[in-house]
Amino acid sequence: MVIINGTSLPMDGKTLSEYLEMSNYNPLRIAVERNGHIVPKAKYNEITLTDGDVLEIVSFVGGG
């Protein structure tokens, strides 16, 4: 299980990019932290989620 924003999900074996696409995240408008480290956008396709990973995904929202 992978914990994503506090929720356990069966995502181990998927790439970070696959998860983001499945969840309709716009990669240009988010930041991802994996196990306490910021993941560069260029690495989203290379990161394979593994059992025990903890992700925090933050969306940027415009407004004023």
PDB file of N, CA and C in Angstrom:
ATOM      1  N   MET A   1       0.838  -1.181   0.000  1.00  0.00           N
ATOM      2  CA  MET A   1       0.000   0.000   0.000  1.00  0.00           C
ATOM      3  C   MET A   1       0.884   1.247   0.000  1.00  0.00           C
ATOM      4  N   VAL A   2       0.414   2.250  -0.661  1.00  0.00           N
ATOM      5  CA  VAL A   2       1.081   3.542  -0.733  1.00  0.00           C
ATOM      6  C   VAL A   2       0.153   4.555  -0.059  1.00  0.00           C
ATOM      7  N   ILE A   3       0.699   5.393   0.789  1.00  0.00           N
ATOM      8  CA  ILE A   3      -0.111   6.413   1.448  1.00  0.00           C
ATOM      9  C   ILE A   3       0.010   7.703   0.644  1.00  0.00           C
ATOM     10  N   ILE A   4      -1.119   8.170   0.132  1.00  0.00           N
ATOM     11  CA  ILE A   4      -1.147   9.371  -0.699  1.00  0.00           C
ATOM     12  C   ILE A   4      -2.088  10.374  -0.048  1.00  0.00           C
ATOM     13  N   ASN A   5      -1.520  11.492   0.378  1.00  0.00           N
ATOM     14  CA  ASN A   5      -2.275  12.527   1.082  1.00  0.00           C
ATOM     15  C   ASN A   5      -3.110  11.927   2.219  1.00  0.00           C
ATOM     16  N   GLY A   6      -2.485  11.005   2.954  1.00  0.00           N
ATOM     17  CA  GLY A   6      -3.107  10.426   4.133  1.00  0.00           C
ATOM     18  C   GLY A   6      -4.014   9.233   3.891  1.00  0.00           C
ATOM     19  N   THR A   7      -4.187   8.811   2.643  1.00  0.00           N
ATOM     20  CA  THR A   7      -5.061   7.687   2.309  1.00  0.00           C
ATOM     21  C   THR A   7      -4.238   6.530   1.754  1.00  0.00           C
ATOM     22  N   SER A   8      -4.431   5.326   2.292  1.00  0.00           N
ATOM     23  CA  SER A   8      -3.736   4.137   1.788  1.00  0.00           C
ATOM     24  C   SER A   8      -4.391   3.666   0.493  1.00  0.00           C
ATOM     25  N   LEU A   9      -3.564   3.504  -0.539  1.00  0.00           N
ATOM     26  CA  LEU A   9      -4.058   3.069  -1.842  1.00  0.00           C
ATOM     27  C   LEU A   9      -3.156   1.971  -2.393  1.00  0.00           C
ATOM     28  N   PRO A  10      -3.717   1.003  -3.126  1.00  0.00           N
ATOM     29  CA  PRO A  10      -2.913  -0.081  -3.706  1.00  0.00           C
ATOM     30  C   PRO A  10      -2.241   0.372  -5.013  1.00  0.00           C
ATOM     31  N   MET A  11      -1.229   1.205  -4.910  1.00  0.00           N
ATOM     32  CA  MET A  11      -0.576   1.776  -6.092  1.00  0.00           C
ATOM     33  C   MET A  11       0.847   1.252  -6.295  1.00  0.00           C
ATOM     34  N   ASP A  12       1.314   0.327  -5.431  1.00  0.00           N
ATOM     35  CA  ASP A  12       2.684  -0.137  -5.606  1.00  0.00           C
ATOM     36  C   ASP A  12       2.820  -0.828  -6.968  1.00  0.00           C
ATOM     37  N   GLY A  13       3.938  -0.547  -7.630  1.00  0.00           N
ATOM     38  CA  GLY A  13       4.202  -1.054  -8.966  1.00  0.00           C
ATOM     39  C   GLY A  13       3.847  -0.068 -10.065  1.00  0.00           C
ATOM     40  N   LYS A  14       3.043   0.924  -9.763  1.00  0.00           N
ATOM     41  CA  LYS A  14       2.697   1.959 -10.748  1.00  0.00           C
ATOM     42  C   LYS A  14       3.737   3.070 -10.689  1.00  0.00           C
ATOM     43  N   THR A  15       3.920   3.763 -11.804  1.00  0.00           N
ATOM     44  CA  THR A  15       4.808   4.923 -11.765  1.00  0.00           C
ATOM     45  C   THR A  15       4.030   6.104 -11.202  1.00  0.00           C
ATOM     46  N   LEU A  16       4.768   7.071 -10.712  1.00  0.00           N
ATOM     47  CA  LEU A  16       4.140   8.288 -10.203  1.00  0.00           C
ATOM     48  C   LEU A  16       3.326   8.943 -11.309  1.00  0.00           C
ATOM     49  N   SER A  17       3.867   8.964 -12.504  1.00  0.00           N
ATOM     50  CA  SER A  17       3.172   9.555 -13.650  1.00  0.00           C
ATOM     51  C   SER A  17       1.846   8.839 -13.919  1.00  0.00           C
ATOM     52  N   GLU A  18       1.832   7.510 -13.836  1.00  0.00           N
ATOM     53  CA  GLU A  18       0.592   6.753 -14.042  1.00  0.00           C
ATOM     54  C   GLU A  18      -0.451   7.124 -12.997  1.00  0.00           C
ATOM     55  N   TYR A  19      -0.033   7.206 -11.737  1.00  0.00           N
ATOM     56  CA  TYR A  19      -0.982   7.572 -10.685  1.00  0.00           C
ATOM     57  C   TYR A  19      -1.558   8.959 -10.933  1.00  0.00           C
ATOM     58  N   LEU A  20      -0.692   9.920 -11.261  1.00  0.00           N
ATOM     59  CA  LEU A  20      -1.153  11.287 -11.478  1.00  0.00           C
ATOM     60  C   LEU A  20      -2.151  11.356 -12.625  1.00  0.00           C
ATOM     61  N   GLU A  21      -1.895  10.604 -13.696  1.00  0.00           N
ATOM     62  CA  GLU A  21      -2.812  10.584 -14.839  1.00  0.00           C
ATOM     63  C   GLU A  21      -4.149   9.949 -14.439  1.00  0.00           C
ATOM     64  N   MET A  22      -4.099   8.825 -13.710  1.00  0.00           N
ATOM     65  CA  MET A  22      -5.322   8.150 -13.258  1.00  0.00           C
ATOM     66  C   MET A  22      -6.166   9.051 -12.378  1.00  0.00           C
ATOM     67  N   SER A  23      -5.503   9.919 -11.620  1.00  0.00           N
ATOM     68  CA  SER A  23      -6.191  10.772 -10.648  1.00  0.00           C
ATOM     69  C   SER A  23      -6.507  12.158 -11.192  1.00  0.00           C
ATOM     70  N   ASN A  24      -6.244  12.357 -12.485  1.00  0.00           N
ATOM     71  CA  ASN A  24      -6.546  13.620 -13.164  1.00  0.00           C
ATOM     72  C   ASN A  24      -5.802  14.820 -12.596  1.00  0.00           C
ATOM     73  N   TYR A  25      -4.596  14.602 -12.093  1.00  0.00           N
ATOM     74  CA  TYR A  25      -3.756  15.725 -11.665  1.00  0.00           C
ATOM     75  C   TYR A  25      -3.086  16.329 -12.886  1.00  0.00           C
ATOM     76  N   ASN A  26      -2.979  17.644 -12.919  1.00  0.00           N
ATOM     77  CA  ASN A  26      -2.221  18.338 -13.959  1.00  0.00           C
ATOM     78  C   ASN A  26      -0.792  18.489 -13.439  1.00  0.00           C
ATOM     79  N   PRO A  27       0.170  17.755 -14.006  1.00  0.00           N
ATOM     80  CA  PRO A  27       1.539  17.793 -13.499  1.00  0.00           C
ATOM     81  C   PRO A  27       2.161  19.192 -13.479  1.00  0.00           C
ATOM     82  N   LEU A  28       1.639  20.099 -14.281  1.00  0.00           N
ATOM     83  CA  LEU A  28       2.181  21.455 -14.309  1.00  0.00           C
ATOM     84  C   LEU A  28       1.716  22.287 -13.123  1.00  0.00           C
ATOM     85  N   ARG A  29       0.680  21.826 -12.420  1.00  0.00           N
ATOM     86  CA  ARG A  29       0.087  22.615 -11.339  1.00  0.00           C
ATOM     87  C   ARG A  29       0.193  21.947  -9.975  1.00  0.00           C
ATOM     88  N   ILE A  30       1.152  21.004  -9.842  1.00  0.00           N
ATOM     89  CA  ILE A  30       1.314  20.313  -8.561  1.00  0.00           C
ATOM     90  C   ILE A  30       2.779  20.231  -8.158  1.00  0.00           C
ATOM     91  N   ALA A  31       2.970  19.910  -6.896  1.00  0.00           N
ATOM     92  CA  ALA A  31       4.288  19.536  -6.376  1.00  0.00           C
ATOM     93  C   ALA A  31       4.082  18.218  -5.641  1.00  0.00           C
ATOM     94  N   VAL A  32       5.063  17.323  -5.763  1.00  0.00           N
ATOM     95  CA  VAL A  32       4.964  16.007  -5.135  1.00  0.00           C
ATOM     96  C   VAL A  32       6.145  15.798  -4.205  1.00  0.00           C
ATOM     97  N   GLU A  33       5.830  15.349  -2.999  1.00  0.00           N
ATOM     98  CA  GLU A  33       6.850  14.956  -2.033  1.00  0.00           C
ATOM     99  C   GLU A  33       6.703  13.453  -1.822  1.00  0.00           C
ATOM    100  N   ARG A  34       7.818  12.744  -1.936  1.00  0.00           N
ATOM    101  CA  ARG A  34       7.825  11.288  -1.730  1.00  0.00           C
ATOM    102  C   ARG A  34       8.789  10.966  -0.605  1.00  0.00           C
ATOM    103  N   ASN A  35       8.276  10.393   0.445  1.00  0.00           N
ATOM    104  CA  ASN A  35       9.090  10.006   1.595  1.00  0.00           C
ATOM    105  C   ASN A  35       9.950  11.155   2.106  1.00  0.00           C
ATOM    106  N   GLY A  36       9.359  12.354   2.128  1.00  0.00           N
ATOM    107  CA  GLY A  36      10.039  13.515   2.677  1.00  0.00           C
ATOM    108  C   GLY A  36      10.923  14.282   1.718  1.00  0.00           C
ATOM    109  N   HIS A  37      10.959  13.883   0.444  1.00  0.00           N
ATOM    110  CA  HIS A  37      11.809  14.554  -0.544  1.00  0.00           C
ATOM    111  C   HIS A  37      10.963  15.006  -1.737  1.00  0.00           C
ATOM    112  N   ILE A  38      11.201  16.235  -2.192  1.00  0.00           N
ATOM    113  CA  ILE A  38      10.498  16.757  -3.364  1.00  0.00           C
ATOM    114  C   ILE A  38      10.944  15.971  -4.598  1.00  0.00           C
ATOM    115  N   VAL A  39       9.974  15.580  -5.413  1.00  0.00           N
ATOM    116  CA  VAL A  39      10.257  14.844  -6.650  1.00  0.00           C
ATOM    117  C   VAL A  39      10.274  15.836  -7.812  1.00  0.00           C
ATOM    118  N   PRO A  40      11.404  15.946  -8.520  1.00  0.00           N
ATOM    119  CA  PRO A  40      11.433  16.822  -9.701  1.00  0.00           C
ATOM    120  C   PRO A  40      10.458  16.311 -10.769  1.00  0.00           C
ATOM    121  N   LYS A  41       9.779  17.219 -11.436  1.00  0.00           N
ATOM    122  CA  LYS A  41       8.808  16.839 -12.462  1.00  0.00           C
ATOM    123  C   LYS A  41       9.424  15.923 -13.523  1.00  0.00           C
ATOM    124  N   ALA A  42      10.680  16.122 -13.842  1.00  0.00           N
ATOM    125  CA  ALA A  42      11.358  15.311 -14.853  1.00  0.00           C
ATOM    126  C   ALA A  42      11.480  13.847 -14.434  1.00  0.00           C
ATOM    127  N   LYS A  43      11.293  13.543 -13.158  1.00  0.00           N
ATOM    128  CA  LYS A  43      11.434  12.177 -12.644  1.00  0.00           C
ATOM    129  C   LYS A  43      10.097  11.444 -12.499  1.00  0.00           C
ATOM    130  N   TYR A  44       8.970  12.108 -12.756  1.00  0.00           N
ATOM    131  CA  TYR A  44       7.658  11.486 -12.540  1.00  0.00           C
ATOM    132  C   TYR A  44       7.518  10.154 -13.278  1.00  0.00           C
ATOM    133  N   ASN A  45       8.060  10.048 -14.497  1.00  0.00           N
ATOM    134  CA  ASN A  45       7.970   8.804 -15.266  1.00  0.00           C
ATOM    135  C   ASN A  45       8.914   7.728 -14.741  1.00  0.00           C
ATOM    136  N   GLU A  46       9.960   8.123 -14.029  1.00  0.00           N
ATOM    137  CA  GLU A  46      10.975   7.182 -13.561  1.00  0.00           C
ATOM    138  C   GLU A  46      10.694   6.613 -12.180  1.00  0.00           C
ATOM    139  N   ILE A  47       9.857   7.288 -11.399  1.00  0.00           N
ATOM    140  CA  ILE A  47       9.592   6.868 -10.020  1.00  0.00           C
ATOM    141  C   ILE A  47       8.525   5.779 -10.014  1.00  0.00           C
ATOM    142  N   THR A  48       8.895   4.593  -9.540  1.00  0.00           N
ATOM    143  CA  THR A  48       7.938   3.509  -9.353  1.00  0.00           C
ATOM    144  C   THR A  48       7.548   3.479  -7.886  1.00  0.00           C
ATOM    145  N   LEU A  49       6.255   3.544  -7.632  1.00  0.00           N
ATOM    146  CA  LEU A  49       5.755   3.546  -6.267  1.00  0.00           C
ATOM    147  C   LEU A  49       5.914   2.159  -5.659  1.00  0.00           C
ATOM    148  N   THR A  50       6.377   2.119  -4.405  1.00  0.00           N
ATOM    149  CA  THR A  50       6.591   0.851  -3.725  1.00  0.00           C
ATOM    150  C   THR A  50       5.842   0.828  -2.406  1.00  0.00           C
ATOM    151  N   ASP A  51       5.567  -0.378  -1.939  1.00  0.00           N
ATOM    152  CA  ASP A  51       4.864  -0.570  -0.682  1.00  0.00           C
ATOM    153  C   ASP A  51       5.533   0.232   0.425  1.00  0.00           C
ATOM    154  N   GLY A  52       4.764   1.031   1.134  1.00  0.00           N
ATOM    155  CA  GLY A  52       5.290   1.837   2.229  1.00  0.00           C
ATOM    156  C   GLY A  52       5.636   3.263   1.859  1.00  0.00           C
ATOM    157  N   ASP A  53       5.619   3.602   0.565  1.00  0.00           N
ATOM    158  CA  ASP A  53       5.871   4.989   0.169  1.00  0.00           C
ATOM    159  C   ASP A  53       4.802   5.903   0.757  1.00  0.00           C
ATOM    160  N   VAL A  54       5.219   7.125   1.067  1.00  0.00           N
ATOM    161  CA  VAL A  54       4.295   8.153   1.544  1.00  0.00           C
ATOM    162  C   VAL A  54       4.426   9.345   0.605  1.00  0.00           C
ATOM    163  N   LEU A  55       3.319   9.700  -0.053  1.00  0.00           N
ATOM    164  CA  LEU A  55       3.300  10.830  -0.968  1.00  0.00           C
ATOM    165  C   LEU A  55       2.411  11.936  -0.425  1.00  0.00           C
ATOM    166  N   GLU A  56       2.862  13.151  -0.628  1.00  0.00           N
ATOM    167  CA  GLU A  56       2.034  14.337  -0.399  1.00  0.00           C
ATOM    168  C   GLU A  56       1.991  15.073  -1.716  1.00  0.00           C
ATOM    169  N   ILE A  57       0.794  15.343  -2.212  1.00  0.00           N
ATOM    170  CA  ILE A  57       0.621  16.042  -3.471  1.00  0.00           C
ATOM    171  C   ILE A  57      -0.106  17.347  -3.178  1.00  0.00           C
ATOM    172  N   VAL A  58       0.502  18.442  -3.607  1.00  0.00           N
ATOM    173  CA  VAL A  58      -0.053  19.766  -3.372  1.00  0.00           C
ATOM    174  C   VAL A  58      -0.374  20.396  -4.721  1.00  0.00           C
ATOM    175  N   SER A  59      -1.615  20.871  -4.850  1.00  0.00           N
ATOM    176  CA  SER A  59      -2.037  21.550  -6.077  1.00  0.00           C
ATOM    177  C   SER A  59      -1.920  23.052  -5.888  1.00  0.00           C
ATOM    178  N   PHE A  60      -1.439  23.714  -6.928  1.00  0.00           N
ATOM    179  CA  PHE A  60      -1.348  25.163  -6.909  1.00  0.00           C
ATOM    180  C   PHE A  60      -2.655  25.729  -7.452  1.00  0.00           C
ATOM    181  N   VAL A  61      -3.213  26.690  -6.746  1.00  0.00           N
ATOM    182  CA  VAL A  61      -4.479  27.283  -7.134  1.00  0.00           C
ATOM    183  C   VAL A  61      -4.270  28.787  -7.315  1.00  0.00           C
ATOM    184  N   GLY A  62      -4.712  29.283  -8.452  1.00  0.00           N
ATOM    185  CA  GLY A  62      -4.606  30.713  -8.703  1.00  0.00           C
ATOM    186  C   GLY A  62      -5.805  31.453  -8.125  1.00  0.00           C
ATOM    187  N   GLY A  63      -5.674  32.710  -8.014  1.00  0.00           N
ATOM    188  CA  GLY A  63      -6.787  33.503  -7.511  1.00  0.00           C
ATOM    189  C   GLY A  63      -6.280  34.757  -6.844  1.00  0.00           C
ATOM    190  N   GLY A  64      -7.167  35.486  -6.309  1.00  0.00           N
ATOM    191  CA  GLY A  64      -6.723  36.710  -5.677  1.00  0.00           C
ATOM    192  C   GLY A  64      -7.773  37.339  -4.823  1.00  0.00           C
TER     193      GLY A  64
END
